Protein backbone atom coordinates (compact mmCIF):
# COMPACT_ATOMS: atom_id res chain seq x y z
CA MET A 1 110.78 110.92 20.71
CA LYS A 2 109.36 112.70 23.73
CA ASN A 3 109.35 111.08 26.93
CA ALA A 4 106.30 108.94 28.14
CA GLU A 5 104.60 109.04 31.07
CA LEU A 6 102.39 105.78 32.51
CA VAL A 7 99.72 106.08 35.07
CA PHE A 8 99.45 102.89 37.19
CA ILE A 9 96.49 102.33 39.30
CA PRO A 10 96.83 99.29 41.51
CA ALA A 11 94.78 97.81 43.72
CA PRO A 12 94.58 98.69 47.48
CA ILE A 13 95.89 95.09 48.49
CA ILE A 14 99.24 94.69 49.89
CA GLY A 15 100.43 92.00 47.28
CA HIS A 16 99.19 93.68 44.18
CA PHE A 17 100.27 97.18 45.22
CA ALA A 18 104.19 95.54 45.91
CA SER A 19 104.13 93.52 42.63
CA ALA A 20 102.86 96.81 40.51
CA VAL A 21 105.89 98.74 42.25
CA GLU A 22 108.13 96.02 41.26
CA VAL A 23 107.11 95.89 37.51
CA ALA A 24 107.18 100.01 37.42
CA LYS A 25 110.77 99.73 38.60
CA LEU A 26 111.85 97.23 35.98
CA LEU A 27 110.12 99.33 33.19
CA LEU A 28 112.16 102.44 34.63
CA GLU A 29 115.35 100.62 34.62
CA ARG A 30 114.74 99.60 31.13
CA ASP A 31 113.90 102.76 29.41
CA GLN A 32 114.87 106.17 30.16
CA ARG A 33 112.11 107.53 28.66
CA LEU A 34 109.73 106.60 30.96
CA SER A 35 108.32 108.07 34.11
CA ILE A 36 105.63 106.46 36.30
CA THR A 37 103.07 107.99 38.45
CA PHE A 38 101.23 105.56 41.15
CA LEU A 39 97.63 106.67 42.18
CA VAL A 40 97.70 105.21 45.53
CA MET A 41 93.90 104.43 46.71
CA LYS A 42 93.86 104.77 50.75
CA SER A 43 92.29 101.42 52.51
CA SER A 44 92.92 99.84 55.69
CA LEU A 45 94.65 96.91 54.23
CA SER A 46 97.31 99.05 52.48
CA THR A 47 98.01 102.53 53.74
CA LYS A 48 101.22 101.60 55.72
CA ILE A 49 103.09 99.61 53.38
CA ALA A 50 102.06 101.76 50.72
CA ARG A 51 103.93 104.82 52.24
CA SER A 52 106.91 102.39 53.28
CA TYR A 53 107.40 101.70 49.49
CA ASN A 54 106.96 105.61 48.75
CA ASP A 55 109.73 106.28 50.65
CA SER A 56 112.17 103.66 49.66
CA VAL A 57 111.38 103.51 46.01
CA ILE A 58 111.57 107.48 45.42
CA ALA A 59 114.84 107.16 46.94
CA ALA A 60 116.02 104.70 44.50
CA CYS A 61 114.59 106.09 41.73
CA GLY A 62 113.57 109.92 40.64
CA ARG A 63 111.21 109.03 37.70
CA ILE A 64 108.31 107.59 39.81
CA ARG A 65 106.34 109.54 42.17
CA PHE A 66 102.92 108.42 43.89
CA ILE A 67 100.10 110.55 44.57
CA HIS A 68 97.60 109.29 47.33
CA LEU A 69 94.11 109.75 46.32
CA PRO A 70 91.56 111.22 48.80
CA GLU A 71 89.68 108.53 51.08
CA VAL A 72 86.28 107.88 50.11
CA GLU A 73 83.50 106.56 52.62
CA LEU A 74 82.06 103.15 51.95
CA ASP A 75 79.72 100.93 53.48
CA PRO A 76 81.34 98.80 55.96
CA ASN A 77 78.44 96.36 56.17
CA LEU A 78 79.52 95.22 52.42
CA PRO A 79 82.75 93.84 52.35
CA SER A 80 82.35 91.39 49.47
CA ARG A 81 81.87 94.75 47.21
CA PHE A 82 84.57 96.79 49.20
CA PHE A 83 87.12 96.78 46.55
CA ILE A 84 84.98 97.30 43.53
CA SER A 85 83.18 99.99 45.48
CA LEU A 86 86.32 101.64 46.57
CA ILE A 87 87.74 101.97 42.71
CA GLU A 88 84.32 103.12 41.32
CA ALA A 89 84.24 105.72 44.03
CA GLN A 90 87.70 106.99 42.95
CA LYS A 91 87.32 107.44 39.39
CA PRO A 92 86.34 111.31 39.75
CA HIS A 93 89.71 111.85 41.61
CA VAL A 94 91.78 109.71 39.03
CA LYS A 95 90.20 111.80 36.48
CA GLU A 96 91.53 115.11 38.44
CA GLU A 97 94.85 113.65 38.65
CA VAL A 98 95.36 112.74 35.44
CA SER A 99 94.02 116.00 34.23
CA LYS A 100 96.58 117.82 35.98
CA LEU A 101 99.49 115.63 34.40
CA VAL A 102 97.88 116.34 30.72
CA PHE A 103 97.95 120.13 31.31
CA ALA A 104 101.52 119.70 32.45
CA SER A 105 102.48 117.72 29.76
CA THR A 106 100.84 120.74 27.51
CA SER A 107 102.22 123.66 29.31
CA SER A 108 105.61 122.79 29.50
CA PRO A 109 107.87 120.88 26.51
CA ASP A 110 110.11 119.70 29.13
CA SER A 111 107.20 117.56 30.51
CA PRO A 112 106.58 113.70 29.56
CA ARG A 113 103.41 112.90 27.53
CA LEU A 114 100.80 110.62 28.77
CA ALA A 115 101.34 107.25 27.11
CA GLY A 116 98.94 105.05 28.78
CA PHE A 117 97.38 103.40 31.81
CA VAL A 118 98.38 100.45 33.97
CA LEU A 119 95.65 98.76 35.59
CA ASP A 120 95.10 96.34 38.27
CA MET A 121 92.85 93.19 37.55
CA PHE A 122 90.51 95.01 39.70
CA SER A 123 90.73 98.53 38.30
CA THR A 124 89.30 97.96 35.01
CA SER A 125 86.50 99.96 35.24
CA ILE A 126 89.04 102.78 34.79
CA ILE A 127 89.16 102.01 31.14
CA ASP A 128 86.80 104.20 30.89
CA VAL A 129 88.68 107.11 32.47
CA ALA A 130 91.75 106.35 29.99
CA ASN A 131 89.09 106.48 27.06
CA GLU A 132 88.12 110.03 27.96
CA PHE A 133 91.83 111.11 27.48
CA GLY A 134 92.56 109.05 24.66
CA VAL A 135 95.16 106.86 25.93
CA PRO A 136 95.53 103.12 25.72
CA SER A 137 95.20 100.68 28.93
CA TYR A 138 97.54 97.93 29.63
CA ILE A 139 96.25 95.56 32.77
CA PHE A 140 99.20 93.93 34.95
CA PHE A 141 97.55 90.81 36.09
CA THR A 142 99.42 89.73 39.66
CA SER A 143 98.43 86.27 39.49
CA ALA A 144 99.10 83.28 37.14
CA ALA A 145 98.86 83.24 33.48
CA ALA A 146 96.76 80.11 33.53
CA PHE A 147 94.43 82.18 36.08
CA LEU A 148 94.40 84.88 33.76
CA GLY A 149 93.08 82.33 31.12
CA THR A 150 90.63 80.68 33.37
CA THR A 151 88.80 83.82 34.16
CA LEU A 152 88.63 84.45 30.58
CA TYR A 153 87.24 80.92 30.00
CA ILE A 154 84.57 81.30 32.79
CA GLN A 155 83.29 84.44 31.17
CA ALA A 156 83.33 83.26 27.65
CA LEU A 157 81.17 80.15 29.31
CA HIS A 158 78.89 82.53 31.06
CA ASP A 159 78.18 85.14 28.21
CA GLU A 160 78.51 82.78 25.15
CA GLN A 161 77.39 79.53 26.07
CA LYS A 162 75.08 80.60 28.89
CA VAL A 163 76.56 78.38 31.63
CA ASP A 164 76.10 79.34 35.19
CA PRO A 165 79.48 78.85 36.65
CA THR A 166 77.92 79.37 40.19
CA GLU A 167 76.29 75.67 39.70
CA PHE A 168 79.90 74.10 39.90
CA LYS A 169 80.18 74.67 43.71
CA ASN A 170 80.48 71.32 45.58
CA SER A 171 80.23 69.87 41.96
CA ASP A 172 82.51 66.96 40.44
CA VAL A 173 82.63 68.80 37.06
CA GLU A 174 85.94 68.62 35.57
CA LEU A 175 87.00 71.50 33.34
CA VAL A 176 89.05 70.97 30.11
CA MET A 177 90.67 74.52 29.37
CA PRO A 178 93.15 75.98 26.97
CA CYS A 179 95.31 77.28 29.63
CA LEU A 180 95.88 74.02 31.50
CA ALA A 181 97.46 70.60 30.24
CA SER A 182 95.70 69.18 33.09
CA PRO A 183 91.82 68.79 33.48
CA PHE A 184 90.62 70.92 36.41
CA PRO A 185 88.28 70.55 39.44
CA ALA A 186 85.48 73.14 38.67
CA LYS A 187 84.78 73.12 42.71
CA VAL A 188 88.32 74.78 42.93
CA LEU A 189 87.55 78.01 41.30
CA PRO A 190 87.66 81.15 43.55
CA SER A 191 84.47 82.17 45.55
CA SER A 192 84.60 85.34 43.02
CA LEU A 193 83.65 82.99 40.20
CA LEU A 194 81.34 80.16 42.37
CA GLY A 195 79.00 82.75 44.55
CA LYS A 196 75.73 83.97 43.12
CA ASP A 197 76.40 87.67 45.03
CA LEU A 198 80.04 87.60 43.99
CA LEU A 199 80.01 86.57 40.13
CA PRO A 200 77.96 89.64 38.81
CA LEU A 201 80.29 91.62 40.55
CA PHE A 202 83.62 90.01 39.06
CA LEU A 203 82.31 89.31 35.49
CA PRO A 204 82.07 92.83 34.24
CA LEU A 205 85.73 93.31 35.17
CA ILE A 206 86.75 90.17 33.65
CA ARG A 207 85.06 91.19 30.41
CA ARG A 208 87.07 94.29 30.38
CA PHE A 209 90.49 92.79 30.00
CA ARG A 210 89.67 91.97 26.35
CA GLU A 211 89.51 96.06 25.91
CA ALA A 212 93.30 96.35 26.94
CA LYS A 213 96.21 96.83 24.63
CA GLY A 214 98.18 94.48 26.41
CA ILE A 215 98.11 92.25 29.67
CA MET A 216 101.52 92.25 31.62
CA VAL A 217 101.52 88.96 33.66
CA ASN A 218 103.94 88.18 36.95
CA THR A 219 105.22 84.84 35.69
CA PHE A 220 107.80 83.46 33.59
CA TYR A 221 107.55 81.32 30.18
CA GLU A 222 109.55 78.59 31.47
CA LEU A 223 106.89 77.97 34.26
CA GLU A 224 103.71 78.65 32.24
CA SER A 225 104.49 78.04 28.74
CA HIS A 226 101.66 76.13 28.23
CA ALA A 227 99.22 78.88 29.52
CA ILE A 228 101.06 81.37 27.80
CA ASN A 229 100.94 79.70 24.38
CA SER A 230 97.35 79.30 24.64
CA PHE A 231 96.89 83.26 24.28
CA SER A 232 98.63 83.17 20.74
CA ASP A 233 95.35 82.48 18.81
CA GLY A 234 94.31 86.24 18.28
CA ASN A 235 91.47 86.06 20.39
CA TYR A 236 93.02 88.12 23.34
CA PRO A 237 95.39 91.24 23.50
CA PRO A 238 98.92 90.57 23.63
CA VAL A 239 99.89 88.52 26.81
CA TYR A 240 103.58 89.63 28.37
CA PRO A 241 105.02 87.25 31.10
CA VAL A 242 107.40 89.71 32.81
CA GLY A 243 108.00 88.04 35.92
CA PRO A 244 108.99 86.59 38.62
CA LEU A 245 108.46 90.34 40.06
CA LEU A 246 109.63 89.94 43.71
CA ASN A 247 110.43 92.65 46.60
CA LEU A 248 113.79 90.75 47.45
CA ASN A 249 114.47 94.01 49.93
CA GLY A 250 111.22 92.39 51.53
CA HIS A 251 112.02 93.45 55.45
CA GLU A 252 112.27 97.40 54.60
CA HIS A 253 108.56 97.06 54.06
CA ASP A 254 107.51 95.07 56.59
CA VAL A 255 106.05 98.30 58.60
CA VAL A 256 102.70 96.62 59.63
CA SER A 257 104.13 94.71 62.66
CA ASP A 258 102.99 95.83 65.79
CA ARG A 259 104.87 93.11 68.07
CA LYS A 260 108.50 93.36 69.18
CA ASP A 261 109.83 90.44 67.08
CA THR A 262 112.84 92.04 65.45
CA HIS A 263 113.93 90.96 62.03
CA ARG A 264 117.44 90.31 63.84
CA ASP A 265 116.14 88.34 66.11
CA ILE A 266 114.45 86.27 63.84
CA MET A 267 117.68 85.87 61.76
CA GLN A 268 119.82 84.91 64.77
CA TRP A 269 117.05 82.32 65.47
CA LEU A 270 117.10 80.98 62.11
CA ASP A 271 121.30 81.20 62.35
CA GLN A 272 121.16 78.69 65.12
CA GLN A 273 119.13 76.06 63.13
CA PRO A 274 120.78 73.19 60.97
CA SER A 275 120.59 73.76 57.54
CA SER A 276 117.14 72.81 55.72
CA SER A 277 115.73 72.02 59.27
CA VAL A 278 112.98 74.39 59.54
CA VAL A 279 109.50 74.38 58.28
CA TYR A 280 108.14 78.06 57.94
CA LEU A 281 104.33 78.64 58.14
CA CYS A 282 102.89 81.87 56.76
CA PHE A 283 99.58 82.60 55.41
CA GLY A 284 99.83 85.77 53.83
CA SER A 285 99.11 89.44 54.72
CA MET A 286 95.54 88.55 55.25
CA GLY A 287 95.81 85.01 56.55
CA SER A 288 94.76 84.21 59.95
CA PHE A 289 93.13 81.41 61.90
CA GLY A 290 90.41 80.97 64.92
CA VAL A 291 91.57 79.66 68.22
CA GLU A 292 90.46 76.22 67.45
CA GLN A 293 92.43 76.14 64.08
CA VAL A 294 95.72 77.79 65.99
CA LYS A 295 95.47 75.01 68.37
CA GLU A 296 95.12 72.22 65.76
CA ILE A 297 98.13 73.72 63.90
CA ALA A 298 100.44 73.67 67.41
CA CYS A 299 99.67 70.11 68.08
CA GLY A 300 100.24 68.96 64.38
CA LEU A 301 103.79 70.74 64.54
CA GLU A 302 104.82 69.58 67.74
CA GLN A 303 103.78 65.90 66.85
CA SER A 304 105.92 66.23 63.62
CA GLY A 305 108.89 66.68 65.68
CA HIS A 306 110.22 69.21 63.12
CA ARG A 307 111.66 72.43 63.86
CA PHE A 308 109.40 75.23 62.91
CA LEU A 309 109.01 79.13 62.47
CA TRP A 310 105.45 80.12 62.52
CA SER A 311 103.83 83.67 61.66
CA LEU A 312 100.85 83.68 64.01
CA ARG A 313 98.41 86.07 63.22
CA GLN A 314 95.37 87.53 65.21
CA PRO A 315 91.90 87.53 62.84
CA PRO A 316 90.30 90.97 62.45
CA PRO A 317 86.83 91.39 63.92
CA ASN A 318 84.41 89.30 62.12
CA GLY A 319 83.45 91.13 58.80
CA LYS A 320 85.86 93.72 59.22
CA MET A 321 88.00 95.03 56.04
CA GLU A 322 91.27 95.14 58.25
CA ALA A 323 94.43 92.94 58.12
CA PRO A 324 95.31 90.63 60.82
CA SER A 325 97.41 92.01 63.68
CA ASP A 326 99.98 90.58 65.82
CA TYR A 327 98.97 88.76 68.91
CA VAL A 328 100.26 90.82 72.30
CA SER A 329 100.63 87.35 74.06
CA PRO A 330 100.62 84.25 71.67
CA ALA A 331 100.28 81.68 74.73
CA GLU A 332 96.57 82.74 75.09
CA VAL A 333 95.57 80.97 71.95
CA LEU A 334 98.12 78.15 72.08
CA PRO A 335 97.59 74.77 73.97
CA GLU A 336 98.89 74.91 77.57
CA GLY A 337 102.39 74.57 78.03
CA PHE A 338 103.09 74.47 74.07
CA LEU A 339 105.65 77.23 74.25
CA ASP A 340 107.64 75.72 76.79
CA ARG A 341 107.63 72.03 75.21
CA THR A 342 108.87 73.41 71.70
CA SER A 343 111.06 76.35 73.02
CA GLU A 344 114.24 74.25 71.89
CA ILE A 345 112.79 73.41 68.37
CA GLY A 346 110.13 76.29 67.48
CA LYS A 347 109.52 80.10 67.40
CA ILE A 348 106.44 81.96 67.20
CA ILE A 349 106.32 85.55 65.05
CA GLY A 350 104.17 87.98 64.11
CA TRP A 351 104.41 89.66 60.81
CA ALA A 352 107.47 87.88 58.86
CA PRO A 353 110.10 89.30 56.58
CA GLN A 354 109.45 86.51 54.40
CA VAL A 355 111.85 87.01 51.63
CA ASP A 356 114.82 86.92 54.12
CA ILE A 357 113.44 84.12 55.81
CA LEU A 358 112.89 81.88 52.44
CA ALA A 359 116.39 82.95 51.51
CA HIS A 360 117.90 81.56 54.71
CA GLN A 361 119.85 78.34 54.51
CA SER A 362 118.17 76.70 57.69
CA ILE A 363 114.54 76.68 55.72
CA GLY A 364 113.54 73.45 54.45
CA GLY A 365 110.02 73.74 53.69
CA PHE A 366 107.30 76.52 53.32
CA VAL A 367 103.43 75.66 54.47
CA SER A 368 101.77 78.58 52.39
CA HIS A 369 98.47 79.82 51.94
CA CYS A 370 99.55 79.95 48.00
CA GLY A 371 99.25 83.79 47.40
CA TRP A 372 100.74 83.85 43.93
CA ASN A 373 103.57 86.47 45.38
CA SER A 374 104.41 83.64 47.83
CA THR A 375 104.57 80.61 45.02
CA LEU A 376 106.82 82.70 43.18
CA GLU A 377 109.09 83.32 46.15
CA SER A 378 109.19 79.67 47.08
CA ILE A 379 110.50 78.90 43.55
CA TRP A 380 112.76 81.81 43.35
CA PHE A 381 114.65 80.61 46.74
CA ASP A 382 114.00 76.92 45.85
CA VAL A 383 112.16 76.10 49.20
CA PRO A 384 109.77 73.20 48.71
CA MET A 385 105.87 74.20 49.29
CA ALA A 386 102.82 72.52 51.05
CA THR A 387 99.64 73.94 49.94
CA TRP A 388 96.85 75.39 52.44
CA PRO A 389 95.22 77.57 50.60
CA MET A 390 92.33 79.89 52.26
CA TYR A 391 90.82 82.64 49.99
CA ALA A 392 91.02 84.35 46.44
CA GLU A 393 92.62 82.29 43.80
CA GLN A 394 94.71 80.52 46.11
CA GLN A 395 92.95 77.11 45.79
CA PHE A 396 93.62 77.50 41.80
CA ASN A 397 97.28 78.13 42.70
CA ALA A 398 97.51 75.02 44.74
CA PHE A 399 95.91 72.96 42.28
CA LEU A 400 98.79 74.54 39.46
CA MET A 401 101.68 73.84 42.16
CA ILE A 402 100.41 70.11 42.63
CA PHE A 403 99.13 68.54 39.62
CA GLU A 404 100.29 71.31 36.67
CA PHE A 405 103.69 72.11 37.77
CA GLY A 406 104.55 68.92 40.25
CA LEU A 407 106.40 71.13 42.45
CA ALA A 408 104.55 71.25 45.86
CA ILE A 409 103.26 68.81 48.38
CA GLU A 410 99.40 68.80 49.15
CA ILE A 411 98.02 69.48 52.89
CA GLN A 412 94.77 70.59 51.18
CA VAL A 413 93.70 72.10 47.54
CA ASN A 414 90.03 73.21 48.45
CA TYR A 415 90.19 74.32 51.82
CA ARG A 416 88.37 77.93 52.45
CA LYS A 417 88.29 80.48 54.89
CA GLU A 418 87.82 84.15 53.60
CA PHE A 419 89.99 86.27 55.26
CA ASN A 420 87.45 88.78 56.85
CA MET A 421 85.13 85.90 58.29
CA ASP A 422 85.12 83.36 60.96
CA GLY A 423 84.18 79.83 60.24
CA GLY A 424 85.73 77.65 57.51
CA GLU A 425 86.55 74.08 58.41
CA ILE A 426 89.08 72.66 60.99
CA MET A 427 91.95 71.14 59.65
CA ARG A 428 92.74 68.54 62.60
CA ALA A 429 96.48 68.19 63.62
CA GLU A 430 96.81 64.80 62.04
CA GLU A 431 96.39 66.05 58.61
CA ILE A 432 98.99 69.10 59.64
CA GLU A 433 101.72 66.30 60.79
CA LYS A 434 101.15 64.37 57.90
CA GLY A 435 101.70 67.25 55.73
CA VAL A 436 104.60 68.54 57.62
CA ARG A 437 106.37 65.38 57.57
CA CYS A 438 105.58 64.89 53.95
CA LEU A 439 107.21 68.23 53.29
CA MET A 440 110.17 67.66 55.33
CA GLU A 441 110.93 64.49 53.54
CA ILE A 442 110.05 65.60 50.30
CA ASP A 443 111.55 63.06 47.56
CA ILE A 444 114.75 63.81 45.57
CA LYS A 445 112.94 63.90 42.14
CA LYS A 446 110.39 66.93 43.31
CA LYS A 447 113.49 68.64 44.85
CA GLU A 448 115.67 68.32 41.68
CA LYS A 449 112.52 69.51 39.60
CA LEU A 450 112.05 72.45 41.93
CA LYS A 451 115.78 73.37 41.92
CA GLU A 452 115.77 73.46 37.94
CA ILE A 453 112.42 75.61 37.85
CA SER A 454 114.24 77.88 40.59
CA ASP A 455 117.10 78.17 38.10
CA LYS A 456 115.19 79.28 35.25
CA SER A 457 113.10 81.87 37.12
CA ARG A 458 116.38 83.95 37.94
CA LYS A 459 117.64 83.42 34.50
CA ALA A 460 113.91 84.66 32.85
CA LEU A 461 115.25 88.30 34.27
CA MET A 462 118.47 88.37 33.16
CA LYS A 463 119.88 89.90 29.89
CA ASP A 464 118.30 88.05 26.95
CA GLY A 465 116.06 86.13 29.56
CA SER A 466 112.76 85.13 28.31
CA SER A 467 110.80 87.75 30.98
CA SER A 468 113.69 90.47 30.05
CA THR A 469 112.97 89.83 26.14
CA TRP A 470 109.25 90.21 27.00
CA LEU A 471 109.74 93.37 29.29
CA ASP A 472 111.42 95.04 25.88
CA ARG A 473 108.66 94.22 23.74
CA VAL A 474 105.83 95.51 26.00
CA ILE A 475 107.81 98.71 26.11
CA GLN A 476 107.90 99.01 22.45
CA ASP A 477 104.31 98.50 22.25
CA MET A 478 103.78 101.24 24.54
CA ILE A 479 105.65 103.43 22.78
CA ASP A 480 104.50 102.39 19.44
CA ASN A 481 100.69 103.09 20.80
CA MET A 482 101.15 106.51 22.23
CA PRO A 483 98.39 109.03 21.01
């Protein structure tokens, strides 16, 4: 059989891009007939990390390449439409680059044949381009399988039962959905499904999930068997749990730091701490807080008495679609004297080499924004997590970890702060102190349960593991579906 080329079109978001690269690497390792081309969209949120991935991945694997699409002008005053507008504007450039691939394939007998597109959940409008070339589209879903089921449930609720999901906002309605074993509080849905201005933007993307030939999900069967089994009724494209897909060489790509806290400095500090004694606080690549909330976190940490490593990031200008940056002088936003009083037990850093931190034996707990990549990392490294969601589907992930899986400690489930906006509620020091204490004194049964699922996460990717088997299946389906 002729070699096959897949075109990956990830969303220009650091977490989405990183996990897309990881699934691409797995596909290439598994089948020598495959080669992959990434079409990379430029954005202020992803360019640096995308370029760092390019260098390291290309060096490790010769059958992958990255083509950077031309930059497009977008209205900076419409942040809610940013990703959708960017992807729509890139359609002509995607078509142009794929045309070159097809031409190369037809003009040289040694070139691989175009086998299909692999699209991010935000990139489903590109299915139109795949259809023009007569090739199938697959989706790589970077969140939980249960969240995939929830988006499809809400879309069907809206389209078939004429229910307006935006009316669930601030309500006490509980949804009983096939993808969840527990009743789900509708107010915990992401803003994209609750906002009257956002829902019309996201519903068209979700509808197109059903047009895909298959959906790969960054999860594993042992964690989400209930959700994955809910897709087996024939009403959905095949769903393949192929995770957990983690970049275990994370510090190599942490190039977005503009402070002097080096990887070595952080690791040396952790080496000096007792085993399982440090609580690590990090709120993701887009997570940051205003000064008032920063002071409350500092007071809560100090009052808890626990050792801490805190990734503290400066918010972007209000409304700007930019990633947070590192503070030049964190003391400016911290309570007076805080750094001196906590110098023996705490360390403030900027951007964090998270994988290496979570892997360190001194880490005993993780206060997290509940991004799905961070959630999977917490499971993989067997580090108990306390939930502090902020935006996107993070409230949903917090619900999963606390109530569906029973693996996390609740600080809050429905805290909200959009990453490019000021405001959001203020969580007080007393609540933070309580959450940190509960996390670091987690009961033995919950620790044992986390250890068990952590072991299963690693076995899933081993030979004959569940995700390894699903990966073989998706490759075979891709080959069988080639035009």
